[in-house]
Amino acid sequence: MEQWLDVISDVGFPIVVTLYLLNRIESKLDTLNQSIQLLPTQLK
């Protein structure tokens, strides 16, 4: 049981950081996608 707690404490923080960064990147990708979709109308 103690080994599992060590693994969770070692791996838990990187997982949280990864999920946070993925969430931030997802919102930026949504904005980028919208900009790319609007580009043809703005070029006309």
N, C-alpha and C. Protein backbone atom coordinates (compact mmCIF):
# COMPACT_ATOMS: atom_id res chain seq x y z
N MET A 1 0.82 -1.20 0.00
CA MET A 1 0.00 0.00 0.00
C MET A 1 0.86 1.26 0.00
N GLU A 2 1.96 1.19 0.72
CA GLU A 2 2.84 2.35 0.81
C GLU A 2 3.48 2.66 -0.54
N GLN A 3 3.76 1.62 -1.31
CA GLN A 3 4.34 1.82 -2.64
C GLN A 3 3.37 2.56 -3.54
N TRP A 4 2.07 2.23 -3.45
CA TRP A 4 1.07 2.92 -4.27
C TRP A 4 0.98 4.39 -3.91
N LEU A 5 1.07 4.70 -2.63
CA LEU A 5 1.02 6.11 -2.21
C LEU A 5 2.24 6.87 -2.75
N ASP A 6 3.38 6.23 -2.77
CA ASP A 6 4.58 6.86 -3.32
C ASP A 6 4.41 7.11 -4.82
N VAL A 7 3.85 6.15 -5.53
CA VAL A 7 3.65 6.29 -6.97
C VAL A 7 2.65 7.42 -7.25
N ILE A 8 1.56 7.44 -6.50
CA ILE A 8 0.54 8.48 -6.70
C ILE A 8 1.12 9.86 -6.40
N SER A 9 1.89 9.97 -5.34
CA SER A 9 2.45 11.28 -5.00
C SER A 9 3.50 11.71 -6.03
N ASP A 10 4.22 10.76 -6.61
CA ASP A 10 5.22 11.10 -7.62
C ASP A 10 4.59 11.43 -8.96
N VAL A 11 3.54 10.73 -9.33
CA VAL A 11 2.93 10.87 -10.64
C VAL A 11 1.76 11.85 -10.62
N GLY A 12 1.16 12.08 -9.48
CA GLY A 12 -0.02 12.93 -9.38
C GLY A 12 0.23 14.36 -9.82
N PHE A 13 1.31 14.95 -9.37
CA PHE A 13 1.60 16.34 -9.72
C PHE A 13 1.81 16.53 -11.22
N PRO A 14 2.61 15.71 -11.88
CA PRO A 14 2.74 15.87 -13.33
C PRO A 14 1.42 15.69 -14.08
N ILE A 15 0.56 14.81 -13.60
CA ILE A 15 -0.73 14.62 -14.25
C ILE A 15 -1.57 15.88 -14.13
N VAL A 16 -1.59 16.48 -12.97
CA VAL A 16 -2.36 17.71 -12.76
C VAL A 16 -1.81 18.82 -13.65
N VAL A 17 -0.52 18.97 -13.72
CA VAL A 17 0.09 20.00 -14.56
C VAL A 17 -0.23 19.74 -16.03
N THR A 18 -0.17 18.50 -16.45
CA THR A 18 -0.48 18.15 -17.84
C THR A 18 -1.93 18.48 -18.18
N LEU A 19 -2.86 18.13 -17.30
CA LEU A 19 -4.27 18.43 -17.55
C LEU A 19 -4.51 19.93 -17.60
N TYR A 20 -3.85 20.68 -16.74
CA TYR A 20 -3.99 22.14 -16.74
C TYR A 20 -3.49 22.73 -18.06
N LEU A 21 -2.32 22.28 -18.51
CA LEU A 21 -1.76 22.80 -19.76
C LEU A 21 -2.60 22.39 -20.97
N LEU A 22 -3.13 21.17 -20.96
CA LEU A 22 -3.99 20.74 -22.06
C LEU A 22 -5.26 21.58 -22.11
N ASN A 23 -5.79 21.95 -20.97
CA ASN A 23 -6.98 22.79 -20.92
C ASN A 23 -6.68 24.17 -21.50
N ARG A 24 -5.54 24.72 -21.17
CA ARG A 24 -5.16 26.04 -21.71
C ARG A 24 -4.93 25.97 -23.21
N ILE A 25 -4.27 24.93 -23.66
CA ILE A 25 -3.98 24.78 -25.09
C ILE A 25 -5.28 24.59 -25.87
N GLU A 26 -6.24 23.86 -25.28
CA GLU A 26 -7.51 23.61 -25.97
C GLU A 26 -8.24 24.91 -26.25
N SER A 27 -8.27 25.81 -25.29
CA SER A 27 -8.96 27.08 -25.51
C SER A 27 -8.24 27.92 -26.57
N LYS A 28 -6.94 27.88 -26.58
CA LYS A 28 -6.19 28.63 -27.59
C LYS A 28 -6.38 28.01 -28.98
N LEU A 29 -6.47 26.68 -29.05
CA LEU A 29 -6.72 26.03 -30.33
C LEU A 29 -8.11 26.35 -30.85
N ASP A 30 -9.09 26.47 -29.97
CA ASP A 30 -10.43 26.86 -30.39
C ASP A 30 -10.42 28.25 -31.00
N THR A 31 -9.71 29.17 -30.37
CA THR A 31 -9.60 30.53 -30.89
C THR A 31 -8.89 30.54 -32.24
N LEU A 32 -7.83 29.77 -32.35
CA LEU A 32 -7.10 29.68 -33.61
C LEU A 32 -7.97 29.09 -34.72
N ASN A 33 -8.74 28.08 -34.39
CA ASN A 33 -9.62 27.45 -35.36
C ASN A 33 -10.67 28.45 -35.86
N GLN A 34 -11.25 29.22 -34.97
CA GLN A 34 -12.22 30.24 -35.37
C GLN A 34 -11.58 31.28 -36.28
N SER A 35 -10.37 31.69 -35.96
CA SER A 35 -9.68 32.68 -36.77
C SER A 35 -9.40 32.14 -38.17
N ILE A 36 -9.01 30.90 -38.26
CA ILE A 36 -8.72 30.30 -39.56
C ILE A 36 -10.00 30.17 -40.39
N GLN A 37 -11.10 29.85 -39.74
CA GLN A 37 -12.35 29.72 -40.46
C GLN A 37 -12.86 31.08 -40.96
N LEU A 38 -12.58 32.15 -40.25
CA LEU A 38 -13.01 33.49 -40.66
C LEU A 38 -12.07 34.13 -41.69
N LEU A 39 -10.91 33.57 -41.87
CA LEU A 39 -9.92 34.16 -42.75
C LEU A 39 -10.39 34.31 -44.19
N PRO A 40 -11.02 33.32 -44.82
CA PRO A 40 -11.46 33.51 -46.22
C PRO A 40 -12.46 34.66 -46.38
N THR A 41 -13.34 34.84 -45.42
CA THR A 41 -14.31 35.94 -45.54
C THR A 41 -13.64 37.29 -45.37
N GLN A 42 -12.61 37.34 -44.57
CA GLN A 42 -11.90 38.60 -44.37
C GLN A 42 -11.00 38.93 -45.54
N LEU A 43 -10.57 37.93 -46.29
CA LEU A 43 -9.70 38.17 -47.44
C LEU A 43 -10.47 38.65 -48.67
N LYS A 44 -11.78 38.45 -48.69
CA LYS A 44 -12.58 38.87 -49.85
C LYS A 44 -12.74 40.37 -49.91
